[in-house]
Amino acid sequence: MKILVPVKRVVDYNVKVRVKADGTGVDIANVKMSMNPFDEIAVEEAVRLKEAGVATEVVAVSCGVAACQETIRAAMAIGADRGILVESDADLQPLAVAKLLKALCDKEQPTVVICGKQAIDDDSNQTGQMLAALMGWPQATFASKVQLGEGVATVMREIDGGLETVEIKLPAVVTTDLRLNEPRYATLPNIMKAKKKPLDTVKPADLGVDVAPRLATLKVAEPPKRSAGVRVADVAQLVDKLKNEAKVI
């Protein structure tokens, strides 16, 4: 059983994001980049399935600039067997990434695609669902527990009212939630081994995919500064301010 795990290079979650002065996007110059945390969970789950003898190979895939090789190497240090970089300088939007992943799935023929439910930079929560639709595969989103069987996967997923357990036929797409597992720290020996693992690079044109953006970002702005709180004398004054100033009642 082969598992394909898409990983995205994003601004590290500990970094305070800054908006460019012209409002065209987020400033990533000289900013620490790392693997999307939800994708780390996906890699960890795939590696655990391999260690349990359920899977035979874990393939990490990233789409983006050449520096995404670092992200793939990080996935290999966790336990992925090899990597594929779809190198492109274009602004890759969820639909374009889903089409690239579909082309790779057609080539690699994985049994399961495990990906993070969303990326912490755009929070789109779209790529996994779009890939499942393009492939015509079943999908289980927001997984908090995954069990793979003979031709089926049993997935416990988080919903508003609690937990839901679904069974889907393989091949399928699974997107991970935060409570699925706790990703391991990559040890130095595994980091060194990751440097020797195979990493192939392809271009979108090689896969026959048009990655031209369908959406244009008009403006990016920081949230407004939060005003200081005030002390009110009594309930009547509180109600008056909520009604006439905050206009929430």
Protein backbone atom coordinates (compact mmCIF):
# COMPACT_ATOMS: atom_id res chain seq x y z
CA MET A 1 0.00 0.00 0.00
CA LYS A 2 1.39 3.37 -1.02
CA ILE A 3 0.47 6.56 0.83
CA LEU A 4 0.96 9.97 -0.77
CA VAL A 5 1.28 12.95 1.58
CA PRO A 6 1.19 16.53 0.25
CA VAL A 7 3.23 18.98 2.39
CA LYS A 8 3.18 22.77 2.12
CA ARG A 9 5.87 25.31 2.95
CA VAL A 10 4.35 28.11 5.03
CA VAL A 11 5.41 30.90 7.37
CA ASP A 12 6.31 29.29 10.70
CA TYR A 13 3.43 29.35 13.17
CA ASN A 14 5.58 31.15 15.77
CA VAL A 15 6.22 34.11 13.45
CA LYS A 16 4.10 37.23 13.72
CA VAL A 17 2.84 37.81 10.19
CA ARG A 18 3.40 41.23 8.65
CA VAL A 19 1.48 42.72 5.74
CA LYS A 20 3.42 44.38 2.92
CA ALA A 21 3.33 48.17 2.88
CA ASP A 22 1.49 48.20 -0.46
CA GLY A 23 -1.15 45.74 0.80
CA THR A 24 -0.49 43.19 -1.95
CA GLY A 25 0.20 40.29 0.40
CA VAL A 26 2.15 38.95 3.36
CA ASP A 27 5.81 39.88 3.76
CA ILE A 28 7.88 36.68 3.74
CA ALA A 29 11.29 38.27 3.21
CA ASN A 30 13.78 36.96 5.80
CA VAL A 31 10.96 35.10 7.57
CA LYS A 32 11.33 31.59 8.98
CA MET A 33 9.43 29.05 6.89
CA SER A 34 8.44 25.54 7.94
CA MET A 35 6.07 22.67 7.14
CA ASN A 36 2.37 23.36 7.60
CA PRO A 37 1.48 21.88 11.05
CA PHE A 38 -1.52 19.95 9.72
CA ASP A 39 0.73 18.39 7.06
CA GLU A 40 3.18 17.34 9.78
CA ILE A 41 0.31 15.42 11.37
CA ALA A 42 -0.44 13.82 8.00
CA VAL A 43 3.19 12.71 7.56
CA GLU A 44 3.29 11.33 11.10
CA GLU A 45 0.10 9.32 10.52
CA ALA A 46 1.41 7.91 7.24
CA VAL A 47 4.70 6.90 8.87
CA ARG A 48 2.85 5.26 11.79
CA LEU A 49 0.78 3.24 9.32
CA LYS A 50 3.99 2.12 7.62
CA GLU A 51 5.58 1.20 10.96
CA ALA A 52 2.46 -0.83 11.79
CA GLY A 53 2.95 -2.82 8.58
CA VAL A 54 -0.19 -1.46 6.94
CA ALA A 55 1.61 0.68 4.35
CA THR A 56 4.71 -0.16 2.34
CA GLU A 57 5.78 3.28 1.06
CA VAL A 58 5.22 6.92 2.01
CA VAL A 59 5.75 9.56 -0.69
CA ALA A 60 5.95 13.25 0.29
CA VAL A 61 4.90 15.78 -2.33
CA SER A 62 5.23 19.56 -2.35
CA CYS A 63 4.25 22.15 -4.94
CA GLY A 64 6.02 25.50 -5.09
CA VAL A 65 9.42 27.13 -5.32
CA ALA A 66 12.74 25.29 -5.17
CA ALA A 67 13.03 26.00 -1.42
CA CYS A 68 10.14 23.55 -0.88
CA GLN A 69 12.79 20.84 -1.08
CA GLU A 70 13.57 21.68 2.54
CA THR A 71 9.96 20.89 3.47
CA ILE A 72 10.14 17.55 1.66
CA ARG A 73 13.43 16.73 3.40
CA ALA A 74 11.74 17.50 6.72
CA ALA A 75 9.01 14.98 5.84
CA MET A 76 11.68 12.43 4.94
CA ALA A 77 13.38 13.02 8.28
CA ILE A 78 10.10 12.09 9.98
CA GLY A 79 9.95 8.89 7.94
CA ALA A 80 8.78 9.45 4.35
CA ASP A 81 10.64 7.20 1.87
CA ARG A 82 11.00 9.59 -1.05
CA GLY A 83 9.83 12.95 -2.29
CA ILE A 84 8.49 14.71 -5.35
CA LEU A 85 8.71 18.47 -5.90
CA VAL A 86 6.46 20.11 -8.46
CA GLU A 87 8.55 23.23 -8.96
CA SER A 88 6.76 26.43 -9.92
CA ASP A 89 7.21 30.12 -9.16
CA ALA A 90 3.53 30.80 -9.84
CA ASP A 91 1.01 31.65 -7.14
CA LEU A 92 -0.41 28.16 -6.69
CA GLN A 93 -4.03 28.25 -5.59
CA PRO A 94 -5.94 25.25 -4.17
CA LEU A 95 -7.46 24.18 -7.50
CA ALA A 96 -4.07 24.25 -9.23
CA VAL A 97 -2.50 22.21 -6.42
CA ALA A 98 -5.37 19.71 -6.57
CA LYS A 99 -4.87 19.29 -10.32
CA LEU A 100 -1.12 18.76 -9.83
CA LEU A 101 -1.81 16.17 -7.13
CA LYS A 102 -4.31 14.43 -9.41
CA ALA A 103 -1.66 14.16 -12.13
CA LEU A 104 0.76 12.68 -9.58
CA CYS A 105 -1.90 10.28 -8.27
CA ASP A 106 -2.54 9.07 -11.83
CA LYS A 107 1.20 8.42 -12.13
CA GLU A 108 1.98 7.05 -8.65
CA GLN A 109 -1.30 5.18 -8.04
CA PRO A 110 -1.40 5.60 -4.23
CA THR A 111 -3.99 3.75 -2.17
CA VAL A 112 -4.51 6.68 0.20
CA VAL A 113 -3.75 10.40 0.07
CA ILE A 114 -3.39 11.85 3.57
CA CYS A 115 -3.17 15.64 3.72
CA GLY A 116 -3.66 18.37 6.28
CA LYS A 117 -7.19 19.71 6.47
CA GLN A 118 -5.93 23.25 5.76
CA ALA A 119 -2.79 25.37 5.52
CA ILE A 120 -2.18 28.01 8.16
CA ASP A 121 -1.32 30.68 5.58
CA ASP A 122 -4.50 30.83 3.48
CA ASP A 123 -6.81 28.64 5.65
CA SER A 124 -8.61 27.56 2.48
CA ASN A 125 -9.51 23.99 3.53
CA GLN A 126 -10.11 23.12 -0.13
CA THR A 127 -7.28 21.11 -1.66
CA GLY A 128 -8.16 17.70 -0.18
CA GLN A 129 -11.81 18.00 -1.14
CA MET A 130 -10.97 19.23 -4.65
CA LEU A 131 -8.54 16.35 -5.16
CA ALA A 132 -11.16 13.80 -4.10
CA ALA A 133 -13.65 15.33 -6.54
CA LEU A 134 -11.15 15.35 -9.41
CA MET A 135 -10.16 11.73 -8.74
CA GLY A 136 -13.71 10.58 -8.09
CA TRP A 137 -12.54 9.09 -4.77
CA PRO A 138 -14.33 8.93 -1.40
CA GLN A 139 -13.09 11.40 1.20
CA ALA A 140 -13.03 11.66 4.99
CA THR A 141 -12.22 15.11 6.35
CA PHE A 142 -11.12 16.34 9.80
CA ALA A 143 -9.92 12.87 10.81
CA SER A 144 -9.11 12.29 14.48
CA LYS A 145 -8.50 8.53 14.05
CA VAL A 146 -7.65 6.47 10.96
CA GLN A 147 -7.70 2.68 10.53
CA LEU A 148 -6.91 1.06 7.20
CA GLY A 149 -8.31 -2.37 6.39
CA GLU A 150 -8.69 -4.59 3.34
CA GLY A 151 -10.06 -2.22 0.72
CA VAL A 152 -11.66 0.12 3.27
CA ALA A 153 -10.69 2.83 5.72
CA THR A 154 -12.50 3.54 8.98
CA VAL A 155 -12.17 7.18 9.96
CA MET A 156 -13.35 8.93 13.10
CA ARG A 157 -13.94 12.58 12.26
CA GLU A 158 -14.73 15.64 14.33
CA ILE A 159 -18.06 17.37 13.75
CA ASP A 160 -19.88 20.18 15.54
CA GLY A 161 -21.89 17.79 17.70
CA GLY A 162 -19.03 15.48 18.64
CA LEU A 163 -17.50 12.58 16.72
CA GLU A 164 -18.64 10.70 13.64
CA THR A 165 -17.22 7.39 12.40
CA VAL A 166 -17.37 6.69 8.66
CA GLU A 167 -16.18 3.82 6.49
CA ILE A 168 -14.93 4.63 3.00
CA LYS A 169 -13.69 2.46 0.17
CA LEU A 170 -10.08 2.73 -0.97
CA PRO A 171 -8.49 4.50 -2.78
CA ALA A 172 -9.52 7.58 -0.86
CA VAL A 173 -8.50 11.01 0.41
CA VAL A 174 -8.20 11.68 4.16
CA THR A 175 -7.59 15.11 5.68
CA THR A 176 -6.15 15.36 9.18
CA ASP A 177 -7.30 17.28 12.25
CA LEU A 178 -5.16 18.43 15.16
CA ARG A 179 -6.09 15.59 17.50
CA LEU A 180 -5.13 12.77 15.14
CA ASN A 181 -1.62 12.43 16.60
CA GLU A 182 1.42 14.22 18.03
CA PRO A 183 4.16 14.53 15.36
CA ARG A 184 7.57 13.26 16.43
CA TYR A 185 10.73 15.35 16.47
CA ALA A 186 13.14 14.44 13.69
CA THR A 187 16.38 13.07 15.15
CA LEU A 188 19.78 14.11 13.80
CA PRO A 189 20.52 10.65 12.31
CA ASN A 190 17.18 10.72 10.47
CA ILE A 191 17.84 14.26 9.25
CA MET A 192 21.15 13.07 7.80
CA LYS A 193 19.50 10.01 6.24
CA ALA A 194 16.85 12.25 4.66
CA LYS A 195 19.54 14.03 2.65
CA LYS A 196 20.28 10.78 0.81
CA LYS A 197 16.69 9.79 0.08
CA PRO A 198 15.51 10.26 -3.54
CA LEU A 199 13.80 13.51 -4.42
CA ASP A 200 12.46 14.01 -7.95
CA THR A 201 11.65 17.41 -9.43
CA VAL A 202 9.05 17.98 -12.13
CA LYS A 203 7.40 21.02 -13.67
CA PRO A 204 3.65 21.61 -13.99
CA ALA A 205 4.07 21.49 -17.77
CA ASP A 206 5.54 17.98 -17.45
CA LEU A 207 2.27 16.93 -15.81
CA GLY A 208 0.13 18.77 -18.36
CA VAL A 209 -1.41 21.09 -15.76
CA ASP A 210 -2.20 24.78 -16.21
CA VAL A 211 -1.49 26.50 -12.88
CA ALA A 212 -2.52 30.03 -13.90
CA PRO A 213 -4.33 31.73 -10.97
CA ARG A 214 -8.13 31.89 -11.22
CA LEU A 215 -8.47 34.40 -8.38
CA ALA A 216 -6.78 37.75 -7.82
CA THR A 217 -6.04 39.19 -4.37
CA LEU A 218 -7.19 42.79 -4.37
CA LYS A 219 -5.90 43.82 -0.97
CA VAL A 220 -4.46 42.38 2.23
CA ALA A 221 -4.86 44.37 5.46
CA GLU A 222 -4.09 43.79 9.11
CA PRO A 223 -7.04 43.55 11.51
CA PRO A 224 -7.98 46.88 13.12
CA LYS A 225 -6.33 47.74 16.39
CA ARG A 226 -8.42 46.76 19.38
CA SER A 227 -9.62 49.76 21.37
CA ALA A 228 -8.98 49.94 25.10
CA GLY A 229 -11.68 48.83 27.50
CA VAL A 230 -13.62 51.24 29.66
CA ARG A 231 -15.12 50.89 33.12
CA VAL A 232 -18.85 51.56 33.42
CA ALA A 233 -20.63 52.78 36.51
CA ASP A 234 -23.69 50.56 36.36
CA VAL A 235 -25.73 48.17 34.25
CA ALA A 236 -27.73 50.98 32.65
CA GLN A 237 -24.57 52.59 31.30
CA LEU A 238 -23.32 49.20 30.04
CA VAL A 239 -26.56 48.58 28.17
CA ASP A 240 -26.45 52.11 26.74
CA LYS A 241 -22.90 51.63 25.40
CA LEU A 242 -23.69 48.19 23.97
CA LYS A 243 -26.73 49.59 22.23
CA ASN A 244 -25.50 52.99 21.00
CA GLU A 245 -21.73 52.62 20.66
CA ALA A 246 -21.01 48.94 20.02
CA LYS A 247 -24.44 48.47 18.38
CA VAL A 248 -24.57 44.81 19.32
CA ILE A 249 -28.02 44.89 20.94
